[in-house]
PDB file of N, CA and C in Angstrom:
ATOM      1  N   UNK A   1     -16.159  73.830 -17.368  1.00  0.00           N
ATOM      2  CA  UNK A   1     -16.875  73.168 -16.351  1.00  0.00           C
ATOM      3  C   UNK A   1     -16.012  73.117 -14.990  1.00  0.00           C
ATOM      4  N   UNK A   2     -16.701  73.500 -13.930  1.00  0.00           N
ATOM      5  CA  UNK A   2     -15.993  73.549 -12.668  1.00  0.00           C
ATOM      6  C   UNK A   2     -15.849  72.024 -12.062  1.00  0.00           C
ATOM      7  N   UNK A   3     -15.079  71.881 -11.160  1.00  0.00           N
ATOM      8  CA  UNK A   3     -14.902  70.671 -10.391  1.00  0.00           C
ATOM      9  C   UNK A   3     -16.270  70.142  -9.705  1.00  0.00           C
ATOM     10  N   UNK A   4     -16.938  71.171  -9.333  1.00  0.00           N
ATOM     11  CA  UNK A   4     -18.244  70.790  -8.557  1.00  0.00           C
ATOM     12  C   UNK A   4     -19.203  70.442  -9.704  1.00  0.00           C
ATOM     13  N   UNK A   5     -19.230  71.067 -10.935  1.00  0.00           N
ATOM     14  CA  UNK A   5     -20.141  70.514 -11.965  1.00  0.00           C
ATOM     15  C   UNK A   5     -19.799  69.243 -12.427  1.00  0.00           C
ATOM     16  N   UNK A   6     -18.489  68.898 -12.564  1.00  0.00           N
ATOM     17  CA  UNK A   6     -17.923  67.712 -12.898  1.00  0.00           C
ATOM     18  C   UNK A   6     -18.457  66.623 -11.896  1.00  0.00           C
ATOM     19  N   UNK A   7     -18.286  66.797 -10.757  1.00  0.00           N
ATOM     20  CA  UNK A   7     -18.798  65.847  -9.662  1.00  0.00           C
ATOM     21  C   UNK A   7     -20.136  65.393  -9.913  1.00  0.00           C
ATOM     22  N   UNK A   8     -21.079  66.572 -10.052  1.00  0.00           N
ATOM     23  CA  UNK A   8     -22.456  66.296 -10.340  1.00  0.00           C
ATOM     24  C   UNK A   8     -22.705  65.394 -11.705  1.00  0.00           C
ATOM     25  N   UNK A   9     -21.768  65.813 -12.851  1.00  0.00           N
ATOM     26  CA  UNK A   9     -22.040  64.815 -14.026  1.00  0.00           C
ATOM     27  C   UNK A   9     -21.726  63.454 -13.709  1.00  0.00           C
ATOM     28  N   UNK A  10     -20.580  63.207 -12.957  1.00  0.00           N
ATOM     29  CA  UNK A  10     -20.098  61.955 -12.698  1.00  0.00           C
ATOM     30  C   UNK A  10     -20.931  61.122 -11.898  1.00  0.00           C
ATOM     31  N   UNK A  11     -21.792  61.793 -10.953  1.00  0.00           N
ATOM     32  CA  UNK A  11     -22.714  61.173 -10.058  1.00  0.00           C
ATOM     33  C   UNK A  11     -23.882  60.519 -10.895  1.00  0.00           C
ATOM     34  N   UNK A  12     -24.071  61.202 -12.126  1.00  0.00           N
ATOM     35  CA  UNK A  12     -25.323  60.721 -12.916  1.00  0.00           C
ATOM     36  C   UNK A  12     -24.910  59.439 -13.696  1.00  0.00           C
ATOM     37  N   UNK A  13     -23.637  59.174 -13.800  1.00  0.00           N
ATOM     38  CA  UNK A  13     -23.040  58.079 -14.677  1.00  0.00           C
ATOM     39  C   UNK A  13     -23.404  56.681 -14.077  1.00  0.00           C
ATOM     40  N   UNK A  14     -23.511  55.722 -14.943  1.00  0.00           N
ATOM     41  CA  UNK A  14     -23.646  54.314 -14.411  1.00  0.00           C
ATOM     42  C   UNK A  14     -22.302  53.889 -14.046  1.00  0.00           C
ATOM     43  N   UNK A  15     -22.227  52.670 -13.332  1.00  0.00           N
ATOM     44  CA  UNK A  15     -21.027  52.158 -12.860  1.00  0.00           C
ATOM     45  C   UNK A  15     -20.051  51.917 -13.879  1.00  0.00           C
ATOM     46  N   UNK A  16     -20.648  51.366 -15.155  1.00  0.00           N
ATOM     47  CA  UNK A  16     -19.813  51.083 -16.352  1.00  0.00           C
ATOM     48  C   UNK A  16     -19.252  52.307 -16.957  1.00  0.00           C
ATOM     49  N   UNK A  17     -20.067  53.515 -16.928  1.00  0.00           N
ATOM     50  CA  UNK A  17     -19.621  54.722 -17.658  1.00  0.00           C
ATOM     51  C   UNK A  17     -18.386  55.370 -16.590  1.00  0.00           C
ATOM     52  N   UNK A  18     -18.634  55.245 -15.332  1.00  0.00           N
ATOM     53  CA  UNK A  18     -17.693  55.774 -14.408  1.00  0.00           C
ATOM     54  C   UNK A  18     -16.405  54.912 -14.566  1.00  0.00           C
ATOM     55  N   UNK A  19     -16.393  53.571 -14.738  1.00  0.00           N
ATOM     56  CA  UNK A  19     -15.347  52.842 -15.022  1.00  0.00           C
ATOM     57  C   UNK A  19     -14.469  53.426 -16.266  1.00  0.00           C
ATOM     58  N   UNK A  20     -15.295  53.672 -17.248  1.00  0.00           N
ATOM     59  CA  UNK A  20     -14.599  54.255 -18.435  1.00  0.00           C
ATOM     60  C   UNK A  20     -13.875  55.607 -18.207  1.00  0.00           C
ATOM     61  N   UNK A  21     -14.587  56.399 -17.409  1.00  0.00           N
ATOM     62  CA  UNK A  21     -13.933  57.544 -17.156  1.00  0.00           C
ATOM     63  C   UNK A  21     -12.596  57.283 -16.345  1.00  0.00           C
ATOM     64  N   UNK A  22     -12.668  56.480 -15.391  1.00  0.00           N
ATOM     65  CA  UNK A  22     -11.573  56.126 -14.464  1.00  0.00           C
ATOM     66  C   UNK A  22     -10.477  55.654 -15.485  1.00  0.00           C
ATOM     67  N   UNK A  23     -10.711  54.716 -16.329  1.00  0.00           N
ATOM     68  CA  UNK A  23      -9.653  54.116 -17.265  1.00  0.00           C
ATOM     69  C   UNK A  23      -9.107  55.273 -18.185  1.00  0.00           C
ATOM     70  N   UNK A  24      -9.897  56.178 -18.690  1.00  0.00           N
ATOM     71  CA  UNK A  24      -9.448  57.359 -19.513  1.00  0.00           C
ATOM     72  C   UNK A  24      -8.547  58.193 -18.747  1.00  0.00           C
ATOM     73  N   UNK A  25      -8.821  58.525 -17.506  1.00  0.00           N
ATOM     74  CA  UNK A  25      -8.027  59.356 -16.692  1.00  0.00           C
ATOM     75  C   UNK A  25      -6.712  58.693 -16.309  1.00  0.00           C
ATOM     76  N   UNK A  26      -6.837  57.431 -16.096  1.00  0.00           N
ATOM     77  CA  UNK A  26      -5.543  56.620 -15.766  1.00  0.00           C
ATOM     78  C   UNK A  26      -4.562  56.646 -17.004  1.00  0.00           C
ATOM     79  N   UNK A  27      -5.291  56.589 -18.110  1.00  0.00           N
ATOM     80  CA  UNK A  27      -4.364  56.539 -19.409  1.00  0.00           C
ATOM     81  C   UNK A  27      -3.570  57.979 -19.479  1.00  0.00           C
ATOM     82  N   UNK A  28      -4.413  59.002 -19.272  1.00  0.00           N
ATOM     83  CA  UNK A  28      -3.969  60.479 -19.420  1.00  0.00           C
ATOM     84  C   UNK A  28      -2.815  60.699 -18.362  1.00  0.00           C
ATOM     85  N   UNK A  29      -2.973  60.124 -17.259  1.00  0.00           N
ATOM     86  CA  UNK A  29      -1.925  60.266 -16.314  1.00  0.00           C
ATOM     87  C   UNK A  29      -0.734  59.698 -16.464  1.00  0.00           C
ATOM     88  N   UNK A  30      -0.814  58.548 -17.174  1.00  0.00           N
ATOM     89  CA  UNK A  30       0.328  57.661 -17.571  1.00  0.00           C
ATOM     90  C   UNK A  30       0.895  57.055 -16.355  1.00  0.00           C
ATOM     91  N   UNK A  31       2.237  57.197 -16.164  1.00  0.00           N
ATOM     92  CA  UNK A  31       3.030  56.551 -15.153  1.00  0.00           C
ATOM     93  C   UNK A  31       2.851  57.150 -13.857  1.00  0.00           C
ATOM     94  N   UNK A  32       1.818  57.611 -13.472  1.00  0.00           N
ATOM     95  CA  UNK A  32       1.478  58.314 -12.178  1.00  0.00           C
ATOM     96  C   UNK A  32       0.955  57.288 -11.173  1.00  0.00           C
ATOM     97  N   UNK A  33       1.664  57.117  -9.984  1.00  0.00           N
ATOM     98  CA  UNK A  33       1.177  56.352  -8.991  1.00  0.00           C
ATOM     99  C   UNK A  33       1.225  57.079  -7.578  1.00  0.00           C
ATOM    100  N   UNK A  34       0.128  56.896  -6.884  1.00  0.00           N
ATOM    101  CA  UNK A  34       0.127  57.623  -5.563  1.00  0.00           C
ATOM    102  C   UNK A  34       1.253  56.968  -4.627  1.00  0.00           C
ATOM    103  N   UNK A  35       1.987  57.910  -4.265  1.00  0.00           N
ATOM    104  CA  UNK A  35       3.181  57.451  -3.224  1.00  0.00           C
ATOM    105  C   UNK A  35       4.365  56.905  -3.891  1.00  0.00           C
ATOM    106  N   UNK A  36       4.363  56.887  -5.106  1.00  0.00           N
ATOM    107  CA  UNK A  36       5.450  56.334  -5.866  1.00  0.00           C
ATOM    108  C   UNK A  36       5.814  57.325  -6.991  1.00  0.00           C
ATOM    109  N   UNK A  37       7.260  57.414  -7.072  1.00  0.00           N
ATOM    110  CA  UNK A  37       7.793  58.335  -8.137  1.00  0.00           C
ATOM    111  C   UNK A  37       9.059  57.756  -8.659  1.00  0.00           C
ATOM    112  N   UNK A  38       9.231  58.162 -10.005  1.00  0.00           N
ATOM    113  CA  UNK A  38      10.325  57.942 -10.756  1.00  0.00           C
ATOM    114  C   UNK A  38      11.286  59.221 -10.917  1.00  0.00           C
ATOM    115  N   UNK A  39      12.500  59.323 -10.597  1.00  0.00           N
ATOM    116  CA  UNK A  39      13.235  60.533 -10.720  1.00  0.00           C
ATOM    117  C   UNK A  39      14.510  60.096 -11.541  1.00  0.00           C
ATOM    118  N   UNK A  40      14.625  60.686 -12.807  1.00  0.00           N
ATOM    119  CA  UNK A  40      15.942  60.263 -13.541  1.00  0.00           C
ATOM    120  C   UNK A  40      17.149  60.742 -12.582  1.00  0.00           C
ATOM    121  N   UNK A  41      18.003  59.752 -12.598  1.00  0.00           N
ATOM    122  CA  UNK A  41      19.266  60.111 -11.817  1.00  0.00           C
ATOM    123  C   UNK A  41      19.258  59.600 -10.357  1.00  0.00           C
ATOM    124  N   UNK A  42      18.139  59.194 -10.008  1.00  0.00           N
ATOM    125  CA  UNK A  42      17.920  58.712  -8.622  1.00  0.00           C
ATOM    126  C   UNK A  42      17.669  57.195  -8.796  1.00  0.00           C
ATOM    127  N   UNK A  43      18.526  56.361  -8.205  1.00  0.00           N
ATOM    128  CA  UNK A  43      18.524  54.965  -8.296  1.00  0.00           C
ATOM    129  C   UNK A  43      18.211  54.450  -9.580  1.00  0.00           C
ATOM    130  N   UNK A  44      18.887  55.146 -10.565  1.00  0.00           N
ATOM    131  CA  UNK A  44      18.802  54.625 -11.887  1.00  0.00           C
ATOM    132  C   UNK A  44      17.401  54.803 -12.502  1.00  0.00           C
ATOM    133  N   UNK A  45      16.653  55.638 -11.998  1.00  0.00           N
ATOM    134  CA  UNK A  45      15.096  56.102 -12.484  1.00  0.00           C
ATOM    135  C   UNK A  45      14.213  54.971 -11.968  1.00  0.00           C
ATOM    136  N   UNK A  46      14.629  54.149 -11.072  1.00  0.00           N
ATOM    137  CA  UNK A  46      13.643  53.046 -10.590  1.00  0.00           C
ATOM    138  C   UNK A  46      12.507  53.757  -9.791  1.00  0.00           C
ATOM    139  N   UNK A  47      11.332  53.090  -9.656  1.00  0.00           N
ATOM    140  CA  UNK A  47      10.192  53.530  -8.977  1.00  0.00           C
ATOM    141  C   UNK A  47      10.659  53.433  -7.466  1.00  0.00           C
ATOM    142  N   UNK A  48      10.436  54.500  -6.729  1.00  0.00           N
ATOM    143  CA  UNK A  48      10.724  54.663  -5.316  1.00  0.00           C
ATOM    144  C   UNK A  48       9.575  55.211  -4.540  1.00  0.00           C
ATOM    145  N   UNK A  49       9.593  54.947  -3.201  1.00  0.00           N
ATOM    146  CA  UNK A  49       8.668  55.572  -2.494  1.00  0.00           C
ATOM    147  C   UNK A  49       8.899  57.087  -2.201  1.00  0.00           C
ATOM    148  N   UNK A  50       7.925  58.013  -2.480  1.00  0.00           N
ATOM    149  CA  UNK A  50       8.017  59.347  -2.452  1.00  0.00           C
ATOM    150  C   UNK A  50       8.752  59.752  -1.109  1.00  0.00           C
ATOM    151  N   UNK A  51       9.456  60.833  -1.111  1.00  0.00           N
ATOM    152  CA  UNK A  51      10.285  61.431  -0.154  1.00  0.00           C
ATOM    153  C   UNK A  51      11.418  60.599   0.324  1.00  0.00           C
ATOM    154  N   UNK A  52      11.793  59.490  -0.391  1.00  0.00           N
ATOM    155  CA  UNK A  52      12.930  58.476   0.046  1.00  0.00           C
ATOM    156  C   UNK A  52      13.602  58.125  -1.231  1.00  0.00           C
ATOM    157  N   UNK A  53      14.732  57.324  -1.004  1.00  0.00           N
ATOM    158  CA  UNK A  53      15.517  56.776  -1.955  1.00  0.00           C
ATOM    159  C   UNK A  53      15.374  55.243  -1.824  1.00  0.00           C
ATOM    160  N   UNK A  54      14.182  54.745  -1.418  1.00  0.00           N
ATOM    161  CA  UNK A  54      13.799  53.254  -1.147  1.00  0.00           C
ATOM    162  C   UNK A  54      13.143  52.856  -2.364  1.00  0.00           C
ATOM    163  N   UNK A  55      13.795  52.028  -3.191  1.00  0.00           N
ATOM    164  CA  UNK A  55      13.371  51.572  -4.455  1.00  0.00           C
ATOM    165  C   UNK A  55      12.224  50.509  -4.264  1.00  0.00           C
ATOM    166  N   UNK A  56      11.096  50.448  -4.965  1.00  0.00           N
ATOM    167  CA  UNK A  56      10.008  49.624  -4.875  1.00  0.00           C
ATOM    168  C   UNK A  56      10.470  48.102  -5.196  1.00  0.00           C
ATOM    169  N   UNK A  57      11.401  47.845  -6.016  1.00  0.00           N
ATOM    170  CA  UNK A  57      11.998  46.613  -6.355  1.00  0.00           C
ATOM    171  C   UNK A  57      12.716  46.021  -5.008  1.00  0.00           C
ATOM    172  N   UNK A  58      13.450  46.965  -4.231  1.00  0.00           N
ATOM    173  CA  UNK A  58      14.140  46.455  -2.975  1.00  0.00           C
ATOM    174  C   UNK A  58      13.001  46.012  -1.954  1.00  0.00           C
ATOM    175  N   UNK A  59      12.014  46.874  -1.885  1.00  0.00           N
ATOM    176  CA  UNK A  59      10.923  46.306  -0.907  1.00  0.00           C
ATOM    177  C   UNK A  59      10.392  44.937  -1.267  1.00  0.00           C
ATOM    178  N   UNK A  60      10.019  44.810  -2.586  1.00  0.00           N
ATOM    179  CA  UNK A  60       9.529  43.573  -3.156  1.00  0.00           C
ATOM    180  C   UNK A  60      10.462  42.440  -2.830  1.00  0.00           C
ATOM    181  N   UNK A  61      11.630  42.727  -3.059  1.00  0.00           N
ATOM    182  CA  UNK A  61      12.854  41.617  -2.935  1.00  0.00           C
ATOM    183  C   UNK A  61      12.713  41.171  -1.518  1.00  0.00           C
ATOM    184  N   UNK A  62      12.710  42.163  -0.540  1.00  0.00           N
ATOM    185  CA  UNK A  62      12.638  41.730   0.829  1.00  0.00           C
ATOM    186  C   UNK A  62      11.372  40.884   1.192  1.00  0.00           C
ATOM    187  N   UNK A  63      10.371  41.257   0.524  1.00  0.00           N
ATOM    188  CA  UNK A  63       8.960  40.517   0.788  1.00  0.00           C
ATOM    189  C   UNK A  63       9.129  39.002   0.378  1.00  0.00           C
ATOM    190  N   UNK A  64       9.810  38.940  -0.939  1.00  0.00           N
ATOM    191  CA  UNK A  64       9.946  37.646  -1.280  1.00  0.00           C
ATOM    192  C   UNK A  64      10.924  36.739  -0.478  1.00  0.00           C
ATOM    193  N   UNK A  65      11.930  37.534   0.120  1.00  0.00           N
ATOM    194  CA  UNK A  65      12.868  36.829   1.093  1.00  0.00           C
ATOM    195  C   UNK A  65      12.090  36.454   2.372  1.00  0.00           C
ATOM    196  N   UNK A  66      10.906  36.772   2.559  1.00  0.00           N
ATOM    197  CA  UNK A  66      10.174  36.449   3.863  1.00  0.00           C
ATOM    198  C   UNK A  66      10.032  37.523   4.866  1.00  0.00           C
ATOM    199  N   UNK A  67      10.532  38.807   4.453  1.00  0.00           N
ATOM    200  CA  UNK A  67      10.392  39.859   5.470  1.00  0.00           C
ATOM    201  C   UNK A  67       8.935  40.330   5.698  1.00  0.00           C
ATOM    202  N   UNK A  68       8.482  40.265   6.853  1.00  0.00           N
ATOM    203  CA  UNK A  68       7.259  40.982   7.092  1.00  0.00           C
ATOM    204  C   UNK A  68       7.170  42.417   6.960  1.00  0.00           C
ATOM    205  N   UNK A  69       6.096  42.978   6.865  1.00  0.00           N
ATOM    206  CA  UNK A  69       5.890  44.358   6.722  1.00  0.00           C
ATOM    207  C   UNK A  69       6.424  45.068   8.000  1.00  0.00           C
ATOM    208  N   UNK A  70       6.169  44.414   9.045  1.00  0.00           N
ATOM    209  CA  UNK A  70       6.796  44.933  10.349  1.00  0.00           C
ATOM    210  C   UNK A  70       8.308  44.931  10.385  1.00  0.00           C
ATOM    211  N   UNK A  71       8.889  44.081   9.749  1.00  0.00           N
ATOM    212  CA  UNK A  71      10.426  44.025   9.648  1.00  0.00           C
ATOM    213  C   UNK A  71      10.900  45.046   8.714  1.00  0.00           C
ATOM    214  N   UNK A  72      10.124  45.320   7.726  1.00  0.00           N
ATOM    215  CA  UNK A  72      10.409  46.262   6.669  1.00  0.00           C
ATOM    216  C   UNK A  72      10.417  47.574   7.337  1.00  0.00           C
ATOM    217  N   UNK A  73       9.361  47.979   7.922  1.00  0.00           N
ATOM    218  CA  UNK A  73       9.130  49.269   8.607  1.00  0.00           C
ATOM    219  C   UNK A  73      10.130  49.465   9.725  1.00  0.00           C
ATOM    220  N   UNK A  74      10.535  48.321  10.441  1.00  0.00           N
ATOM    221  CA  UNK A  74      11.483  48.404  11.415  1.00  0.00           C
ATOM    222  C   UNK A  74      12.907  48.822  10.961  1.00  0.00           C
ATOM    223  N   UNK A  75      13.167  48.457   9.670  1.00  0.00           N
ATOM    224  CA  UNK A  75      14.501  48.632   9.139  1.00  0.00           C
ATOM    225  C   UNK A  75      14.594  49.917   8.320  1.00  0.00           C
ATOM    226  N   UNK A  76      13.471  50.440   7.950  1.00  0.00           N
ATOM    227  CA  UNK A  76      13.377  51.661   7.109  1.00  0.00           C
ATOM    228  C   UNK A  76      12.489  52.693   7.945  1.00  0.00           C
ATOM    229  N   UNK A  77      13.113  53.275   8.802  1.00  0.00           N
ATOM    230  CA  UNK A  77      12.339  54.222   9.719  1.00  0.00           C
ATOM    231  C   UNK A  77      11.641  55.421   9.007  1.00  0.00           C
ATOM    232  N   UNK A  78      12.067  55.547   7.785  1.00  0.00           N
ATOM    233  CA  UNK A  78      11.288  56.786   7.129  1.00  0.00           C
ATOM    234  C   UNK A  78      10.029  56.414   6.372  1.00  0.00           C
ATOM    235  N   UNK A  79       9.873  54.923   6.426  1.00  0.00           N
ATOM    236  CA  UNK A  79       8.623  54.404   5.641  1.00  0.00           C
ATOM    237  C   UNK A  79       7.360  54.412   6.580  1.00  0.00           C
ATOM    238  N   UNK A  80       6.277  54.543   5.989  1.00  0.00           N
ATOM    239  CA  UNK A  80       5.052  54.348   6.800  1.00  0.00           C
ATOM    240  C   UNK A  80       4.215  53.228   6.267  1.00  0.00           C
ATOM    241  N   UNK A  81       3.297  52.709   6.967  1.00  0.00           N
ATOM    242  CA  UNK A  81       2.650  51.548   6.449  1.00  0.00           C
ATOM    243  C   UNK A  81       1.908  51.871   5.118  1.00  0.00           C
ATOM    244  N   UNK A  82       1.437  53.040   4.902  1.00  0.00           N
ATOM    245  CA  UNK A  82       0.718  53.517   3.629  1.00  0.00           C
ATOM    246  C   UNK A  82       1.697  53.446   2.530  1.00  0.00           C
ATOM    247  N   UNK A  83       3.068  53.772   2.775  1.00  0.00           N
ATOM    248  CA  UNK A  83       4.109  53.558   1.659  1.00  0.00           C
ATOM    249  C   UNK A  83       4.191  52.020   1.177  1.00  0.00           C
ATOM    250  N   UNK A  84       3.995  51.071   2.068  1.00  0.00           N
ATOM    251  CA  UNK A  84       4.029  49.695   1.562  1.00  0.00           C
ATOM    252  C   UNK A  84       2.897  49.432   0.813  1.00  0.00           C
ATOM    253  N   UNK A  85       1.684  49.969   1.166  1.00  0.00           N
ATOM    254  CA  UNK A  85       0.471  49.803   0.438  1.00  0.00           C
ATOM    255  C   UNK A  85       0.574  50.271  -0.951  1.00  0.00           C
ATOM    256  N   UNK A  86       1.237  51.493  -1.085  1.00  0.00           N
ATOM    257  CA  UNK A  86       1.429  51.939  -2.413  1.00  0.00           C
ATOM    258  C   UNK A  86       2.444  51.237  -3.157  1.00  0.00           C
ATOM    259  N   UNK A  87       3.550  50.686  -2.515  1.00  0.00           N
ATOM    260  CA  UNK A  87       4.637  49.903  -3.184  1.00  0.00           C
ATOM    261  C   UNK A  87       3.960  48.555  -3.711  1.00  0.00           C
ATOM    262  N   UNK A  88       3.160  47.885  -2.835  1.00  0.00           N
ATOM    263  CA  UNK A  88       2.559  46.557  -3.354  1.00  0.00           C
ATOM    264  C   UNK A  88       1.609  46.726  -4.468  1.00  0.00           C
ATOM    265  N   UNK A  89       0.901  47.903  -4.435  1.00  0.00           N
ATOM    266  CA  UNK A  89       0.047  48.125  -5.518  1.00  0.00           C
ATOM    267  C   UNK A  89       0.757  48.300  -6.826  1.00  0.00           C
ATOM    268  N   UNK A  90       2.016  49.169  -6.815  1.00  0.00           N
ATOM    269  CA  UNK A  90       2.754  49.390  -7.874  1.00  0.00           C
ATOM    270  C   UNK A  90       3.398  47.953  -8.326  1.00  0.00           C
ATOM    271  N   UNK A  91       3.860  47.046  -7.447  1.00  0.00           N
ATOM    272  CA  UNK A  91       4.339  45.870  -7.918  1.00  0.00           C
ATOM    273  C   UNK A  91       3.383  44.943  -8.616  1.00  0.00           C
ATOM    274  N   UNK A  92       2.236  44.975  -8.040  1.00  0.00           N
ATOM    275  CA  UNK A  92       0.962  44.235  -8.731  1.00  0.00           C
ATOM    276  C   UNK A  92       0.698  44.676 -10.199  1.00  0.00           C
ATOM    277  N   UNK A  93       0.834  45.913 -10.334  1.00  0.00           N
ATOM    278  CA  UNK A  93       0.484  46.581 -11.678  1.00  0.00           C
ATOM    279  C   UNK A  93       1.712  46.522 -12.592  1.00  0.00           C
ATOM    280  N   UNK A  94       3.007  46.409 -11.991  1.00  0.00           N
ATOM    281  CA  UNK A  94       4.212  46.380 -12.926  1.00  0.00           C
ATOM    282  C   UNK A  94       5.093  45.251 -12.588  1.00  0.00           C
ATOM    283  N   UNK A  95       4.648  44.124 -12.515  1.00  0.00           N
ATOM    284  CA  UNK A  95       5.382  42.900 -12.177  1.00  0.00           C
ATOM    285  C   UNK A  95       6.506  42.676 -12.891  1.00  0.00           C
ATOM    286  N   UNK A  96       6.432  42.756 -14.288  1.00  0.00           N
ATOM    287  CA  UNK A  96       7.566  42.472 -15.038  1.00  0.00           C
ATOM    288  C   UNK A  96       8.754  43.477 -14.971  1.00  0.00           C
ATOM    289  N   UNK A  97       8.402  44.618 -14.819  1.00  0.00           N
ATOM    290  CA  UNK A  97       9.499  45.632 -14.541  1.00  0.00           C
ATOM    291  C   UNK A  97      10.181  45.450 -13.170  1.00  0.00           C
ATOM    292  N   UNK A  98       9.484  45.079 -12.092  1.00  0.00           N
ATOM    293  CA  UNK A  98      10.023  44.809 -10.789  1.00  0.00           C
ATOM    294  C   UNK A  98      10.775  43.571 -10.833  1.00  0.00           C
ATOM    295  N   UNK A  99      10.351  42.432 -11.567  1.00  0.00           N
ATOM    296  CA  UNK A  99      11.000  41.212 -11.734  1.00  0.00           C
ATOM    297  C   UNK A  99      12.398  41.477 -12.408  1.00  0.00           C
ATOM    298  N   UNK A 100      12.340  42.273 -13.319  1.00  0.00           N
ATOM    299  CA  UNK A 100      13.509  42.652 -14.192  1.00  0.00           C
ATOM    300  C   UNK A 100      14.583  43.326 -13.316  1.00  0.00           C
ATOM    301  N   UNK A 101      14.059  44.382 -12.621  1.00  0.00           N
ATOM    302  CA  UNK A 101      15.101  45.174 -11.695  1.00  0.00           C
ATOM    303  C   UNK A 101      15.619  44.353 -10.591  1.00  0.00           C
ATOM    304  N   UNK A 102      14.913  43.420 -10.075  1.00  0.00           N
ATOM    305  CA  UNK A 102      15.486  42.450  -9.041  1.00  0.00           C
ATOM    306  C   UNK A 102      16.474  41.529  -9.715  1.00  0.00           C
ATOM    307  N   UNK A 103      16.114  41.029 -10.931  1.00  0.00           N
ATOM    308  CA  UNK A 103      17.166  40.184 -11.655  1.00  0.00           C
ATOM    309  C   UNK A 103      18.470  40.998 -11.939  1.00  0.00           C
ATOM    310  N   UNK A 104      18.381  42.305 -12.395  1.00  0.00           N
ATOM    311  CA  UNK A 104      19.501  43.108 -12.667  1.00  0.00           C
ATOM    312  C   UNK A 104      20.313  43.255 -11.341  1.00  0.00           C
ATOM    313  N   UNK A 105      19.748  43.390 -10.318  1.00  0.00           N
ATOM    314  CA  UNK A 105      20.446  43.658  -9.068  1.00  0.00           C
ATOM    315  C   UNK A 105      21.248  42.415  -8.611  1.00  0.00           C
ATOM    316  N   UNK A 106      20.561  41.220  -8.786  1.00  0.00           N
ATOM    317  CA  UNK A 106      21.204  39.965  -8.419  1.00  0.00           C
ATOM    318  C   UNK A 106      22.375  39.594  -9.291  1.00  0.00           C
ATOM    319  N   UNK A 107      22.273  40.108 -10.511  1.00  0.00           N
ATOM    320  CA  UNK A 107      23.339  39.849 -11.459  1.00  0.00           C
ATOM    321  C   UNK A 107      24.495  40.775 -11.206  1.00  0.00           C
ATOM    322  N   UNK A 108      24.282  41.901 -10.602  1.00  0.00           N
ATOM    323  CA  UNK A 108      25.411  42.859 -10.302  1.00  0.00           C
ATOM    324  C   UNK A 108      26.326  42.470  -9.318  1.00  0.00           C
TER     325      UNK A 108
END
């Protein structure tokens, strides 16, 4: 089946059926997040903003300390607003992972 044929098939599905397809695709993609990557050997394998060595847990920690998005972007010139959108989505979906990385860093 070609991508064009697949799009036509998807258009014919109900919203519930489309949600099932999205869930299945998400399971197959596993730990894939837009704008976020984990690279063994880079920051201990922590989730980072793509093209950077800026860990998501660091950004979340700054946010918890009261930093605004504007302040974060001003201090990390390589980041874009969309990078923060991706980071916050990752935090929301992986809260326990991020909490643990923040705890580990505070203990170090």
